[in-house]
């Protein structure tokens, strides 16, 4: 098998996966705006450095009719902040022990999010996956790929 076909095939797989992930985040983000709200408690909040970006992490717990849960999803998106100052400022809103509103998915009490709705980055990821995927598919299925 030709190395160009393998490379383009892998790239197409990555585009499909990325597009599906972005579409899922968009759908869940929209749905989460209508989920019931329960009170949660912040267990810890910190910023971790990931590939030069600053990723806020908030661990929280909440109780629903099905038991107590601990989660860390802030938003349905790949969420990071470019500056350390910005990330630290964001995290200051989540002090240990503070009450926090938690949106809980109906029928799936273990799935929750702190900030409902969509983020622009999801749409950018979806459009990029579609455009790059079309380009890769065109290259893959065009005669003479090497």
C-alpha atoms as a PDB file:
ATOM      1  CA  UNK A   1       0.000   0.000   0.000  1.00  0.00           C
ATOM      2  CA  UNK A   2       1.204   3.460  -0.914  1.00  0.00           C
ATOM      3  CA  UNK A   3       2.497   5.693   1.915  1.00  0.00           C
ATOM      4  CA  UNK A   4       0.530   8.679   0.517  1.00  0.00           C
ATOM      5  CA  UNK A   5      -2.713   6.713   0.748  1.00  0.00           C
ATOM      6  CA  UNK A   6      -1.912   5.722   4.345  1.00  0.00           C
ATOM      7  CA  UNK A   7      -1.040   9.311   5.276  1.00  0.00           C
ATOM      8  CA  UNK A   8      -4.144  10.795   3.679  1.00  0.00           C
ATOM      9  CA  UNK A   9      -6.316   7.989   5.082  1.00  0.00           C
ATOM     10  CA  UNK A  10      -5.058   8.698   8.587  1.00  0.00           C
ATOM     11  CA  UNK A  11      -5.559  12.440   8.102  1.00  0.00           C
ATOM     12  CA  UNK A  12      -9.134  11.793   6.935  1.00  0.00           C
ATOM     13  CA  UNK A  13      -9.768   9.653  10.020  1.00  0.00           C
ATOM     14  CA  UNK A  14      -8.478  12.463  12.267  1.00  0.00           C
ATOM     15  CA  UNK A  15     -10.753  14.978  10.489  1.00  0.00           C
ATOM     16  CA  UNK A  16     -13.802  12.748  10.894  1.00  0.00           C
ATOM     17  CA  UNK A  17     -13.039  12.141  14.570  1.00  0.00           C
ATOM     18  CA  UNK A  18     -12.432  15.856  15.222  1.00  0.00           C
ATOM     19  CA  UNK A  19     -15.615  16.829  13.387  1.00  0.00           C
ATOM     20  CA  UNK A  20     -17.711  14.341  15.333  1.00  0.00           C
ATOM     21  CA  UNK A  21     -16.171  15.495  18.623  1.00  0.00           C
ATOM     22  CA  UNK A  22     -16.925  19.151  17.820  1.00  0.00           C
ATOM     23  CA  UNK A  23     -20.488  18.298  16.724  1.00  0.00           C
ATOM     24  CA  UNK A  24     -21.037  16.380  19.979  1.00  0.00           C
ATOM     25  CA  UNK A  25     -19.766  19.337  22.020  1.00  0.00           C
ATOM     26  CA  UNK A  26     -22.078  21.688  20.132  1.00  0.00           C
ATOM     27  CA  UNK A  27     -25.106  19.433  20.690  1.00  0.00           C
ATOM     28  CA  UNK A  28     -24.352  18.815  24.375  1.00  0.00           C
ATOM     29  CA  UNK A  29     -23.544  22.474  24.966  1.00  0.00           C
ATOM     30  CA  UNK A  30     -26.884  23.535  23.518  1.00  0.00           C
ATOM     31  CA  UNK A  31     -28.786  20.867  25.430  1.00  0.00           C
ATOM     32  CA  UNK A  32     -27.057  21.764  28.716  1.00  0.00           C
ATOM     33  CA  UNK A  33     -28.722  25.183  28.689  1.00  0.00           C
ATOM     34  CA  UNK A  34     -32.015  23.409  29.485  1.00  0.00           C
ATOM     35  CA  UNK A  35     -30.689  20.918  32.055  1.00  0.00           C
ATOM     36  CA  UNK A  36     -31.852  21.242  35.663  1.00  0.00           C
ATOM     37  CA  UNK A  37     -29.569  23.057  38.078  1.00  0.00           C
ATOM     38  CA  UNK A  38     -28.435  21.576  41.378  1.00  0.00           C
ATOM     39  CA  UNK A  39     -26.113  23.092  43.943  1.00  0.00           C
ATOM     40  CA  UNK A  40     -22.576  21.777  43.932  1.00  0.00           C
ATOM     41  CA  UNK A  41     -19.466  22.418  45.981  1.00  0.00           C
ATOM     42  CA  UNK A  42     -16.008  23.248  44.638  1.00  0.00           C
ATOM     43  CA  UNK A  43     -13.473  20.695  45.884  1.00  0.00           C
ATOM     44  CA  UNK A  44     -10.419  22.237  44.244  1.00  0.00           C
ATOM     45  CA  UNK A  45      -9.525  24.569  41.399  1.00  0.00           C
ATOM     46  CA  UNK A  46      -6.173  25.023  39.712  1.00  0.00           C
ATOM     47  CA  UNK A  47      -4.517  25.787  36.391  1.00  0.00           C
ATOM     48  CA  UNK A  48      -2.408  23.230  34.574  1.00  0.00           C
ATOM     49  CA  UNK A  49      -0.049  23.991  31.728  1.00  0.00           C
ATOM     50  CA  UNK A  50      -0.688  21.960  28.595  1.00  0.00           C
ATOM     51  CA  UNK A  51       1.376  22.568  25.464  1.00  0.00           C
ATOM     52  CA  UNK A  52       1.945  26.216  26.364  1.00  0.00           C
ATOM     53  CA  UNK A  53      -1.734  26.870  27.086  1.00  0.00           C
ATOM     54  CA  UNK A  54      -3.269  27.282  30.526  1.00  0.00           C
ATOM     55  CA  UNK A  55      -6.115  24.880  31.258  1.00  0.00           C
ATOM     56  CA  UNK A  56      -8.417  25.718  34.177  1.00  0.00           C
ATOM     57  CA  UNK A  57      -9.468  22.648  36.170  1.00  0.00           C
ATOM     58  CA  UNK A  58     -12.337  22.719  38.658  1.00  0.00           C
ATOM     59  CA  UNK A  59     -13.214  19.598  40.624  1.00  0.00           C
ATOM     60  CA  UNK A  60     -16.677  19.754  42.144  1.00  0.00           C
ATOM     61  CA  UNK A  61     -19.261  17.493  43.706  1.00  0.00           C
ATOM     62  CA  UNK A  62     -23.019  17.529  43.667  1.00  0.00           C
ATOM     63  CA  UNK A  63     -25.901  15.402  44.796  1.00  0.00           C
ATOM     64  CA  UNK A  64     -28.866  14.284  42.731  1.00  0.00           C
ATOM     65  CA  UNK A  65     -31.668  11.824  43.424  1.00  0.00           C
ATOM     66  CA  UNK A  66     -29.335   9.046  42.218  1.00  0.00           C
ATOM     67  CA  UNK A  67     -26.478   9.761  44.595  1.00  0.00           C
ATOM     68  CA  UNK A  68     -23.425  11.952  44.981  1.00  0.00           C
ATOM     69  CA  UNK A  69     -21.046  12.619  42.075  1.00  0.00           C
ATOM     70  CA  UNK A  70     -17.638  14.242  41.609  1.00  0.00           C
ATOM     71  CA  UNK A  71     -16.797  15.746  38.243  1.00  0.00           C
ATOM     72  CA  UNK A  72     -14.498  18.286  36.608  1.00  0.00           C
ATOM     73  CA  UNK A  73     -16.243  19.367  33.378  1.00  0.00           C
ATOM     74  CA  UNK A  74     -16.326  23.137  33.145  1.00  0.00           C
ATOM     75  CA  UNK A  75     -17.677  23.467  29.608  1.00  0.00           C
ATOM     76  CA  UNK A  76     -18.326  21.350  26.525  1.00  0.00           C
ATOM     77  CA  UNK A  77     -15.205  22.435  24.629  1.00  0.00           C
ATOM     78  CA  UNK A  78     -11.450  22.101  24.571  1.00  0.00           C
ATOM     79  CA  UNK A  79     -11.076  24.861  27.120  1.00  0.00           C
ATOM     80  CA  UNK A  80      -7.798  26.676  27.617  1.00  0.00           C
ATOM     81  CA  UNK A  81      -6.687  30.249  28.140  1.00  0.00           C
ATOM     82  CA  UNK A  82      -3.632  31.781  26.471  1.00  0.00           C
ATOM     83  CA  UNK A  83      -2.342  33.782  29.430  1.00  0.00           C
ATOM     84  CA  UNK A  84      -1.554  32.580  32.932  1.00  0.00           C
ATOM     85  CA  UNK A  85      -3.028  35.805  34.325  1.00  0.00           C
ATOM     86  CA  UNK A  86      -6.319  35.172  32.494  1.00  0.00           C
ATOM     87  CA  UNK A  87      -6.473  31.560  33.656  1.00  0.00           C
ATOM     88  CA  UNK A  88      -5.725  32.542  37.263  1.00  0.00           C
ATOM     89  CA  UNK A  89      -8.413  35.219  37.071  1.00  0.00           C
ATOM     90  CA  UNK A  90     -10.939  32.660  35.801  1.00  0.00           C
ATOM     91  CA  UNK A  91     -10.093  30.173  38.569  1.00  0.00           C
ATOM     92  CA  UNK A  92     -10.523  32.825  41.294  1.00  0.00           C
ATOM     93  CA  UNK A  93     -14.273  32.468  40.749  1.00  0.00           C
ATOM     94  CA  UNK A  94     -14.104  28.880  42.042  1.00  0.00           C
ATOM     95  CA  UNK A  95     -12.833  28.943  45.636  1.00  0.00           C
ATOM     96  CA  UNK A  96     -12.588  25.669  47.540  1.00  0.00           C
ATOM     97  CA  UNK A  97     -15.812  25.038  49.454  1.00  0.00           C
ATOM     98  CA  UNK A  98     -17.815  27.599  47.451  1.00  0.00           C
ATOM     99  CA  UNK A  99     -21.296  26.753  46.231  1.00  0.00           C
ATOM    100  CA  UNK A 100     -21.534  26.471  42.474  1.00  0.00           C
ATOM    101  CA  UNK A 101     -24.540  25.878  40.177  1.00  0.00           C
ATOM    102  CA  UNK A 102     -24.178  22.573  38.326  1.00  0.00           C
ATOM    103  CA  UNK A 103     -26.221  21.625  35.255  1.00  0.00           C
ATOM    104  CA  UNK A 104     -27.059  17.903  35.365  1.00  0.00           C
ATOM    105  CA  UNK A 105     -28.125  15.917  32.299  1.00  0.00           C
ATOM    106  CA  UNK A 106     -31.609  14.427  32.793  1.00  0.00           C
ATOM    107  CA  UNK A 107     -31.510  10.641  32.861  1.00  0.00           C
ATOM    108  CA  UNK A 108     -27.705  10.680  33.203  1.00  0.00           C
ATOM    109  CA  UNK A 109     -27.024  12.137  36.662  1.00  0.00           C
ATOM    110  CA  UNK A 110     -23.289  11.475  36.382  1.00  0.00           C
ATOM    111  CA  UNK A 111     -22.965  13.904  33.469  1.00  0.00           C
ATOM    112  CA  UNK A 112     -22.752  17.557  34.399  1.00  0.00           C
ATOM    113  CA  UNK A 113     -21.269  20.883  33.386  1.00  0.00           C
ATOM    114  CA  UNK A 114     -20.608  24.174  35.151  1.00  0.00           C
ATOM    115  CA  UNK A 115     -20.937  26.554  32.190  1.00  0.00           C
ATOM    116  CA  UNK A 116     -23.752  25.558  29.835  1.00  0.00           C
ATOM    117  CA  UNK A 117     -23.964  26.543  26.191  1.00  0.00           C
ATOM    118  CA  UNK A 118     -21.576  26.603  23.286  1.00  0.00           C
ATOM    119  CA  UNK A 119     -18.205  28.124  22.761  1.00  0.00           C
ATOM    120  CA  UNK A 120     -16.938  29.627  19.530  1.00  0.00           C
ATOM    121  CA  UNK A 121     -14.034  27.159  19.491  1.00  0.00           C
ATOM    122  CA  UNK A 122     -16.447  24.264  18.831  1.00  0.00           C
ATOM    123  CA  UNK A 123     -17.644  25.899  15.616  1.00  0.00           C
ATOM    124  CA  UNK A 124     -14.064  26.645  14.546  1.00  0.00           C
ATOM    125  CA  UNK A 125     -13.108  22.997  15.122  1.00  0.00           C
ATOM    126  CA  UNK A 126     -16.140  21.740  13.200  1.00  0.00           C
ATOM    127  CA  UNK A 127     -15.578  24.017  10.199  1.00  0.00           C
ATOM    128  CA  UNK A 128     -11.832  23.261  10.148  1.00  0.00           C
ATOM    129  CA  UNK A 129     -12.518  19.505  10.274  1.00  0.00           C
ATOM    130  CA  UNK A 130     -15.022  19.771   7.426  1.00  0.00           C
ATOM    131  CA  UNK A 131     -12.815  21.924   5.188  1.00  0.00           C
ATOM    132  CA  UNK A 132      -9.607  19.998   5.827  1.00  0.00           C
ATOM    133  CA  UNK A 133     -11.516  16.703   5.587  1.00  0.00           C
ATOM    134  CA  UNK A 134     -12.887  17.668   2.170  1.00  0.00           C
ATOM    135  CA  UNK A 135      -9.400  18.588   1.009  1.00  0.00           C
ATOM    136  CA  UNK A 136      -7.922  15.321   2.299  1.00  0.00           C
ATOM    137  CA  UNK A 137     -10.768  13.266   0.814  1.00  0.00           C
ATOM    138  CA  UNK A 138     -10.279  14.987  -2.527  1.00  0.00           C
ATOM    139  CA  UNK A 139      -6.537  14.239  -2.432  1.00  0.00           C
ATOM    140  CA  UNK A 140      -7.125  10.656  -1.254  1.00  0.00           C
ATOM    141  CA  UNK A 141      -9.662   9.784  -3.920  1.00  0.00           C
ATOM    142  CA  UNK A 142      -8.042  11.703  -6.766  1.00  0.00           C
ATOM    143  CA  UNK A 143      -5.992   9.680  -9.257  1.00  0.00           C
ATOM    144  CA  UNK A 144      -2.255   9.778  -8.705  1.00  0.00           C
ATOM    145  CA  UNK A 145      -2.008  10.128  -4.920  1.00  0.00           C
ATOM    146  CA  UNK A 146       1.518   9.227  -3.924  1.00  0.00           C
END
